[in-house]
Amino acid sequence: MNRMVKGTGQYQILLLGSDDERRTKFQGILVERMGDLGLNPATIYFIDGSRASERDPGSPQLAIYFGSPGNTNDPDSQLMAELIEDSIVIVPLVSEVAQVHLEIPPQLRHINALEVGSDGKGILRLVNLALEIFRLLRRERKLFISYRREDARPFAERLYDALDARGFDVFLDLRSVPPAVDFQEELWHRMSDSDVVVLIDTPGFRKSRWTTEELAKANATNIQILHLLWPGQKEDGTSSFSHFMKLDLSDFEGASPGQGGEVREDTLVRICDAAEGLRARAIAARYRYLTDYFCDAARDLRMNPVVQPEHWISLDGLKDGRNLAVVPAVGIPTSVRINEIFDAVANSAKSFSDVWIIYDNRGVLESWLSHLDWLDKHLPIRTVQMAKAPSLLCEVIA
């Protein structure tokens, strides 16, 4: 039975095709992730094909087609033709990619299908994809693997391949650092731009200077950590932002871990699912950190910041009658992200005289900071380092 979530209809999801348990699982986890992000789940409005006339063409829309055997001549075909004409994103779901021609109507077969099984496999990816399409999660899916080479290199490389196959942009030092660059500077830069750090805590990990520094920097910058405890390792009380996952000897095949033992495939799946599930909470934690920091700085100056439902911060009554939109950005601003943020603000119901992007500059390469300073002189939007926000606010007070 399809569960409808009544709300404002700000974000609309059309549920087409088969009405099965995948719909219920998807809706339940999506509502949970909205809560993780600090958003009101009632702003998501689920609409099945029979109620498509309820959709608001002025609000963001996404269509999901739940494919199944025998659905190739689906009664929603006319509706799908309308959605395609209106350039609405449609995500076809199949039990296996090889089943596309048996489970998906012809007009959707040119779209890359997502594998989602009745057992729930692939649901987390679908949930995060929906959040990415609505710009509630950034589209870049960045992960950083922290490990000690002597203890866990084969394991780390297997995990890299598994996460890469899931569509993550994974940083692994041996594969991701180009020649002729400062290794540690590049490492901190890439970690500061990651959604989640996957930390492989082997017996020698805490003895290494560089790996313990990675843990300390992740904690200091509020980056969430999926902390994999090697068999026999205990939780570390200093890992304040860690989400622990214990590995047992049963998670490996053959010889003992560290002596050629191969990690089991189902263990890799479990780790990847945990990383996927942590991603929304990780981004929300860093967003709240930036938001709280900026709002506290503004209130200290007797300003009245207002956090908008779209996760922007608005400030009115500034110098010369101007107003300001401040958009917290998780990770490192790039030209693509800056353009997306500017377009979103420009298309909002409220207009702003000035737009700032506030970001955490700790760990970011000096060359990148200089590049952002240069962009500020040429774009109608300004990137603001978190540490410089209080002084810049003083300049715009009426």
Protein backbone atom coordinates (compact mmCIF):
# COMPACT_ATOMS: atom_id res chain seq x y z
CA MET A 1 0.00 0.00 0.00
CA ASN A 2 1.45 3.38 -0.96
CA ARG A 3 2.03 5.67 2.02
CA MET A 4 1.39 9.33 1.21
CA VAL A 5 3.22 12.01 3.17
CA LYS A 6 1.06 15.10 3.23
CA GLY A 7 2.88 18.41 3.15
CA THR A 8 3.51 21.58 1.24
CA GLY A 9 4.57 19.72 -1.88
CA GLN A 10 7.84 21.65 -1.99
CA TYR A 11 9.61 18.50 -3.22
CA GLN A 12 7.46 16.14 -5.26
CA ILE A 13 8.28 12.50 -5.97
CA LEU A 14 6.11 10.62 -8.46
CA LEU A 15 6.01 6.89 -7.80
CA LEU A 16 5.32 4.97 -11.02
CA GLY A 17 5.34 1.35 -12.09
CA SER A 18 5.06 -1.54 -9.68
CA ASP A 19 3.60 -0.85 -6.22
CA ASP A 20 5.75 -3.16 -4.11
CA GLU A 21 7.80 -3.23 -0.90
CA ARG A 22 10.56 -1.15 -2.49
CA ARG A 23 8.27 1.88 -2.40
CA THR A 24 7.64 1.53 1.32
CA LYS A 25 11.34 1.05 2.09
CA PHE A 26 12.32 4.02 -0.06
CA GLN A 27 9.78 6.36 1.53
CA GLY A 28 10.64 5.32 5.06
CA ILE A 29 14.39 5.78 4.65
CA LEU A 30 13.96 9.07 2.76
CA VAL A 31 11.85 10.49 5.58
CA GLU A 32 14.53 9.36 8.05
CA ARG A 33 17.30 11.00 6.03
CA MET A 34 15.32 14.25 5.82
CA GLY A 35 15.29 14.24 9.60
CA ASP A 36 19.04 13.64 9.65
CA LEU A 37 19.49 16.72 7.48
CA GLY A 38 17.35 18.82 9.82
CA LEU A 39 14.63 19.21 7.19
CA ASN A 40 10.91 18.82 7.66
CA PRO A 41 9.88 15.47 6.11
CA ALA A 42 6.48 16.99 5.35
CA THR A 43 8.12 19.01 2.56
CA ILE A 44 8.36 15.76 0.59
CA TYR A 45 5.10 14.87 -1.18
CA PHE A 46 4.81 11.36 -2.60
CA ILE A 47 2.40 11.07 -5.55
CA ASP A 48 1.51 7.83 -7.32
CA GLY A 49 0.65 7.76 -11.03
CA SER A 50 -3.11 7.83 -10.48
CA ARG A 51 -2.78 11.17 -8.67
CA ALA A 52 -0.30 12.81 -11.04
CA SER A 53 -2.72 15.69 -11.63
CA GLU A 54 -1.89 16.87 -8.09
CA ARG A 55 1.70 17.72 -8.99
CA ASP A 56 2.67 21.38 -8.95
CA PRO A 57 4.67 22.29 -12.07
CA GLY A 58 6.29 25.16 -10.15
CA SER A 59 7.91 22.91 -7.51
CA PRO A 60 10.88 20.52 -7.87
CA GLN A 61 9.84 17.13 -9.21
CA LEU A 62 11.39 13.70 -9.53
CA ALA A 63 9.83 10.53 -10.96
CA ILE A 64 10.84 7.01 -9.97
CA TYR A 65 9.73 4.07 -12.09
CA PHE A 66 9.67 0.79 -10.16
CA GLY A 67 10.28 -1.78 -12.86
CA SER A 68 9.15 -5.38 -12.63
CA PRO A 69 8.48 -8.27 -15.05
CA GLY A 70 5.48 -7.53 -17.26
CA ASN A 71 5.58 -3.75 -16.74
CA THR A 72 6.83 -2.96 -20.23
CA ASN A 73 3.34 -1.85 -21.33
CA ASP A 74 2.64 0.19 -18.23
CA PRO A 75 -0.55 2.31 -17.94
CA ASP A 76 1.65 5.24 -16.84
CA SER A 77 3.19 5.49 -20.31
CA GLN A 78 1.24 8.64 -21.28
CA LEU A 79 2.26 10.30 -18.04
CA MET A 80 5.88 9.36 -18.62
CA ALA A 81 5.75 10.91 -22.08
CA GLU A 82 4.56 14.15 -20.46
CA LEU A 83 7.32 14.00 -17.86
CA ILE A 84 9.95 13.47 -20.53
CA GLU A 85 8.59 16.40 -22.53
CA ASP A 86 8.71 18.56 -19.36
CA SER A 87 12.35 17.51 -18.72
CA ILE A 88 11.51 15.91 -15.36
CA VAL A 89 14.22 13.55 -14.10
CA ILE A 90 13.01 9.92 -14.20
CA VAL A 91 14.93 7.17 -12.39
CA PRO A 92 14.13 3.65 -13.70
CA LEU A 93 14.62 0.84 -11.18
CA VAL A 94 15.32 -2.78 -12.11
CA SER A 95 16.10 -5.91 -10.14
CA GLU A 96 19.21 -6.39 -12.31
CA VAL A 97 20.64 -4.34 -15.17
CA ALA A 98 20.32 -7.37 -17.44
CA GLN A 99 16.53 -7.25 -16.91
CA VAL A 100 15.97 -3.76 -18.36
CA HIS A 101 14.16 -5.02 -21.47
CA LEU A 102 11.87 -7.19 -19.33
CA GLU A 103 11.06 -4.65 -16.61
CA ILE A 104 11.22 -1.16 -18.15
CA PRO A 105 8.99 0.38 -20.87
CA PRO A 106 10.72 1.25 -24.16
CA GLN A 107 10.57 5.03 -23.63
CA LEU A 108 12.75 4.73 -20.50
CA ARG A 109 15.37 2.31 -21.77
CA HIS A 110 17.73 5.09 -22.87
CA ILE A 111 18.09 6.17 -19.22
CA ASN A 112 20.64 4.43 -17.02
CA ALA A 113 18.70 2.17 -14.65
CA LEU A 114 19.48 1.69 -10.96
CA GLU A 115 19.50 -1.79 -9.46
CA VAL A 116 17.16 -1.98 -6.44
CA GLY A 117 16.18 -5.40 -5.16
CA SER A 118 13.20 -6.47 -3.09
CA ASP A 119 15.68 -7.22 -0.28
CA GLY A 120 16.48 -3.50 -0.02
CA LYS A 121 19.78 -3.62 -1.90
CA GLY A 122 20.28 -0.27 -3.61
CA ILE A 123 17.64 1.61 -1.58
CA LEU A 124 20.19 3.81 0.20
CA ARG A 125 21.71 4.80 -3.15
CA LEU A 126 18.23 5.68 -4.44
CA VAL A 127 17.48 7.79 -1.35
CA ASN A 128 20.73 9.74 -1.65
CA LEU A 129 20.19 10.17 -5.39
CA ALA A 130 16.80 11.75 -4.70
CA LEU A 131 18.38 14.13 -2.18
CA GLU A 132 21.13 14.99 -4.66
CA ILE A 133 18.62 15.75 -7.42
CA PHE A 134 16.74 18.09 -5.06
CA ARG A 135 20.10 19.68 -4.11
CA LEU A 136 19.64 18.63 -0.49
CA LEU A 137 22.87 16.66 -0.81
CA ARG A 138 25.71 17.75 -3.04
CA ARG A 139 26.08 15.64 -6.16
CA GLU A 140 29.76 14.92 -5.54
CA ARG A 141 30.08 11.72 -3.52
CA LYS A 142 33.49 12.09 -1.91
CA LEU A 143 35.05 9.63 0.52
CA PHE A 144 38.51 9.49 2.07
CA ILE A 145 40.14 6.22 3.16
CA SER A 146 42.54 6.57 6.09
CA TYR A 147 44.74 3.55 6.81
CA ARG A 148 48.27 2.36 7.58
CA ARG A 149 49.94 0.90 4.50
CA GLU A 150 51.94 -1.72 6.38
CA ASP A 151 48.80 -3.18 7.96
CA ALA A 152 45.93 -2.77 5.53
CA ARG A 153 46.98 -1.91 1.99
CA PRO A 154 45.25 -4.90 0.29
CA PHE A 155 42.10 -4.32 2.33
CA ALA A 156 42.10 -0.58 1.53
CA GLU A 157 42.47 -1.25 -2.20
CA ARG A 158 39.59 -3.76 -2.17
CA LEU A 159 37.46 -1.22 -0.33
CA TYR A 160 38.47 1.48 -2.82
CA ASP A 161 37.26 -0.67 -5.72
CA ALA A 162 33.96 -1.47 -3.96
CA LEU A 163 33.22 2.18 -3.14
CA ASP A 164 34.29 3.30 -6.61
CA ALA A 165 31.81 0.81 -8.10
CA ARG A 166 29.10 2.48 -5.99
CA GLY A 167 29.80 5.81 -7.68
CA PHE A 168 31.91 7.41 -4.95
CA ASP A 169 34.89 9.64 -5.72
CA VAL A 170 37.32 7.89 -3.36
CA PHE A 171 40.63 9.30 -2.14
CA LEU A 172 43.28 6.65 -1.52
CA ASP A 173 46.82 7.98 -1.25
CA LEU A 174 48.51 5.42 -3.52
CA ARG A 175 45.95 5.94 -6.29
CA SER A 176 44.86 9.55 -5.85
CA VAL A 177 47.95 11.71 -5.26
CA PRO A 178 49.61 12.83 -8.51
CA PRO A 179 53.42 13.08 -8.75
CA ALA A 180 55.33 16.27 -7.92
CA VAL A 181 52.89 17.58 -5.28
CA ASP A 182 53.23 18.05 -1.53
CA PHE A 183 51.80 14.79 -0.24
CA GLN A 184 50.53 15.95 3.15
CA GLU A 185 49.06 19.23 1.87
CA GLU A 186 47.20 17.34 -0.86
CA LEU A 187 46.03 14.81 1.74
CA TRP A 188 44.54 17.45 4.09
CA HIS A 189 42.97 19.26 1.14
CA ARG A 190 41.22 16.15 -0.12
CA MET A 191 40.09 15.13 3.36
CA SER A 192 38.51 18.55 3.97
CA ASP A 193 36.45 18.06 0.81
CA SER A 194 35.17 14.59 1.76
CA ASP A 195 31.71 13.69 2.99
CA VAL A 196 32.93 10.80 5.12
CA VAL A 197 36.30 9.41 6.21
CA VAL A 198 36.49 5.62 6.26
CA LEU A 199 39.17 4.86 8.83
CA ILE A 200 40.74 1.38 8.96
CA ASP A 201 41.90 1.01 12.56
CA THR A 202 44.49 -1.79 12.49
CA PRO A 203 46.81 -2.64 15.43
CA GLY A 204 49.54 -0.35 14.07
CA PHE A 205 47.25 2.51 13.02
CA ARG A 206 47.39 4.50 16.26
CA LYS A 207 51.20 4.25 16.35
CA SER A 208 51.58 6.17 13.07
CA ARG A 209 52.08 9.92 13.25
CA TRP A 210 50.30 10.68 9.98
CA THR A 211 47.27 8.46 10.50
CA THR A 212 46.67 9.82 14.00
CA GLU A 213 46.95 13.35 12.60
CA GLU A 214 44.30 12.46 10.01
CA LEU A 215 41.99 11.36 12.82
CA ALA A 216 42.68 14.53 14.80
CA LYS A 217 42.06 16.79 11.80
CA ALA A 218 38.82 14.98 10.94
CA ASN A 219 37.60 15.45 14.50
CA ALA A 220 38.64 19.12 14.53
CA THR A 221 36.76 19.89 11.31
CA ASN A 222 33.61 17.94 12.21
CA ILE A 223 34.08 15.38 9.45
CA GLN A 224 32.20 12.20 10.29
CA ILE A 225 34.19 8.97 10.46
CA LEU A 226 33.16 5.42 9.66
CA HIS A 227 35.62 3.79 12.04
CA LEU A 228 36.37 0.19 11.09
CA LEU A 229 37.79 -1.68 14.07
CA TRP A 230 40.16 -4.47 13.01
CA PRO A 231 39.60 -7.77 14.80
CA GLY A 232 40.77 -7.27 18.39
CA GLN A 233 40.84 -3.45 18.25
CA LYS A 234 38.85 -1.53 20.89
CA GLU A 235 36.89 1.70 20.52
CA ASP A 236 38.96 4.83 21.07
CA GLY A 237 37.36 7.43 23.34
CA THR A 238 39.18 10.26 21.54
CA SER A 239 37.29 9.55 18.31
CA SER A 240 34.45 11.94 19.04
CA PHE A 241 32.99 11.90 15.54
CA SER A 242 33.42 8.18 14.89
CA HIS A 243 30.70 5.71 14.05
CA PHE A 244 32.28 2.39 14.96
CA MET A 245 31.92 -0.85 13.01
CA LYS A 246 33.63 -3.91 14.43
CA LEU A 247 35.27 -6.40 12.08
CA ASP A 248 35.60 -10.03 13.17
CA LEU A 249 37.77 -12.87 11.91
CA SER A 250 34.64 -14.19 10.21
CA ASP A 251 34.72 -11.11 7.94
CA PHE A 252 37.83 -12.53 6.27
CA GLU A 253 38.55 -15.66 4.30
CA GLY A 254 41.66 -17.77 4.28
CA ALA A 255 44.61 -16.65 6.37
CA SER A 256 44.37 -14.24 9.29
CA PRO A 257 43.84 -10.53 8.51
CA GLY A 258 47.16 -8.86 7.81
CA GLN A 259 48.65 -12.20 6.69
CA GLY A 260 46.97 -12.46 3.32
CA GLY A 261 43.40 -12.96 4.50
CA GLU A 262 40.84 -11.72 1.95
CA VAL A 263 37.93 -9.60 3.12
CA ARG A 264 34.58 -11.21 2.35
CA GLU A 265 32.39 -9.72 -0.35
CA ASP A 266 29.39 -9.40 1.98
CA THR A 267 31.59 -7.49 4.45
CA LEU A 268 32.50 -5.00 1.74
CA VAL A 269 28.80 -4.57 0.96
CA ARG A 270 28.08 -3.93 4.64
CA ILE A 271 30.83 -1.30 4.84
CA CYS A 272 29.65 0.43 1.65
CA ASP A 273 26.06 0.49 2.94
CA ALA A 274 27.24 2.02 6.21
CA ALA A 275 29.19 4.72 4.35
CA GLU A 276 26.14 5.47 2.20
CA GLY A 277 23.91 5.66 5.26
CA LEU A 278 26.29 7.96 7.13
CA ARG A 279 26.62 10.45 4.31
CA ALA A 280 23.47 12.51 4.95
CA ARG A 281 24.19 12.73 8.68
CA ALA A 282 27.80 13.68 7.97
CA ILE A 283 26.86 16.54 5.64
CA ALA A 284 24.16 17.71 8.07
CA ALA A 285 26.66 17.86 10.94
CA ARG A 286 29.08 20.04 8.95
CA TYR A 287 26.22 22.22 7.70
CA ARG A 288 25.02 22.81 11.27
CA TYR A 289 28.56 23.65 12.34
CA LEU A 290 28.89 26.35 9.66
CA THR A 291 25.38 27.67 10.29
CA ASP A 292 25.84 27.89 14.06
CA TYR A 293 29.23 29.58 13.67
CA PHE A 294 27.91 32.23 11.30
CA CYS A 295 24.69 32.91 13.21
CA ASP A 296 26.60 33.25 16.49
CA ALA A 297 28.99 35.73 14.85
CA ALA A 298 26.05 37.74 13.46
CA ARG A 299 24.21 37.79 16.80
CA ASP A 300 27.36 38.95 18.57
CA LEU A 301 27.13 42.01 16.30
CA ARG A 302 23.43 42.46 17.26
CA MET A 303 22.28 41.31 13.83
CA ASN A 304 19.25 39.09 13.29
CA PRO A 305 20.15 36.09 11.08
CA VAL A 306 17.20 33.97 9.92
CA VAL A 307 17.76 30.38 8.77
CA GLN A 308 15.45 29.75 5.82
CA PRO A 309 13.79 26.39 5.01
CA GLU A 310 16.13 26.08 2.00
CA HIS A 311 19.11 26.10 4.42
CA TRP A 312 20.15 29.64 3.59
CA ILE A 313 20.72 32.35 6.16
CA SER A 314 19.18 35.73 5.41
CA LEU A 315 20.22 39.08 6.84
CA ASP A 316 18.14 42.21 6.22
CA GLY A 317 18.60 45.86 7.11
CA LEU A 318 22.25 46.14 6.13
CA LYS A 319 24.20 49.17 4.97
CA ASP A 320 22.52 51.13 2.13
CA GLY A 321 19.33 49.08 2.56
CA ARG A 322 20.95 45.93 1.22
CA ASN A 323 20.16 42.36 2.23
CA LEU A 324 22.30 39.26 2.23
CA ALA A 325 21.88 35.53 1.55
CA VAL A 326 24.53 33.33 3.16
CA VAL A 327 24.78 29.76 1.87
CA PRO A 328 26.82 27.33 4.00
CA ALA A 329 28.81 25.04 1.69
CA VAL A 330 30.12 21.69 2.87
CA GLY A 331 33.51 20.99 1.37
CA ILE A 332 35.61 23.16 -0.92
CA PRO A 333 33.84 25.64 -3.23
CA THR A 334 34.46 24.96 -6.91
CA SER A 335 33.31 26.95 -9.91
CA VAL A 336 30.58 24.37 -10.60
CA ARG A 337 29.27 24.47 -7.03
CA ILE A 338 29.41 28.27 -6.97
CA ASN A 339 27.39 28.41 -10.19
CA GLU A 340 24.78 25.96 -8.83
CA ILE A 341 24.39 27.94 -5.62
CA PHE A 342 24.07 31.22 -7.49
CA ASP A 343 21.41 29.78 -9.81
CA ALA A 344 19.44 28.38 -6.88
CA VAL A 345 19.48 31.69 -5.02
CA ALA A 346 18.68 33.68 -8.16
CA ASN A 347 15.61 31.49 -8.78
CA SER A 348 14.31 31.72 -5.21
CA ALA A 349 11.13 33.57 -4.26
CA LYS A 350 13.12 36.18 -2.31
CA SER A 351 15.68 38.41 -4.00
CA PHE A 352 18.99 39.37 -2.39
CA SER A 353 21.39 42.24 -2.97
CA ASP A 354 24.41 40.13 -2.07
CA VAL A 355 25.15 36.41 -1.87
CA TRP A 356 27.90 34.81 0.19
CA ILE A 357 29.09 31.22 0.27
CA ILE A 358 30.59 30.43 3.68
CA TYR A 359 32.95 27.47 3.93
CA ASP A 360 35.46 25.91 6.32
CA ASN A 361 38.89 26.83 4.97
CA ARG A 362 40.90 24.58 7.31
CA GLY A 363 43.05 22.17 5.34
CA VAL A 364 42.38 23.83 1.98
CA LEU A 365 45.42 24.40 -0.24
CA GLU A 366 46.73 27.98 -0.29
CA SER A 367 46.66 27.90 -4.08
CA TRP A 368 42.95 27.06 -3.96
CA LEU A 369 42.23 29.89 -1.51
CA SER A 370 44.05 32.29 -3.84
CA HIS A 371 41.95 30.99 -6.74
CA LEU A 372 38.74 31.67 -4.80
CA ASP A 373 39.94 35.19 -3.97
CA TRP A 374 40.46 35.75 -7.69
CA LEU A 375 36.99 34.42 -8.52
CA ASP A 376 35.45 36.82 -5.99
CA LYS A 377 36.64 39.73 -8.14
CA HIS A 378 34.86 38.41 -11.23
CA LEU A 379 31.61 36.78 -10.03
CA PRO A 380 28.36 38.21 -8.61
CA ILE A 381 28.77 35.95 -5.57
CA ARG A 382 31.41 35.89 -2.85
CA THR A 383 33.14 32.96 -1.16
CA VAL A 384 33.86 33.66 2.50
CA GLN A 385 36.24 31.71 4.69
CA MET A 386 34.58 30.79 7.98
CA ALA A 387 37.34 32.43 10.01
CA LYS A 388 36.93 35.75 8.16
CA ALA A 389 33.13 35.94 8.44
CA PRO A 390 32.98 38.05 11.66
CA SER A 391 35.25 40.80 10.27
CA LEU A 392 33.38 40.87 6.95
CA LEU A 393 30.06 41.17 8.76
CA CYS A 394 31.35 44.31 10.48
CA GLU A 395 31.74 45.89 7.04
CA VAL A 396 28.08 45.44 6.06
CA ILE A 397 26.42 46.66 9.27
CA ALA A 398 24.15 49.65 8.70
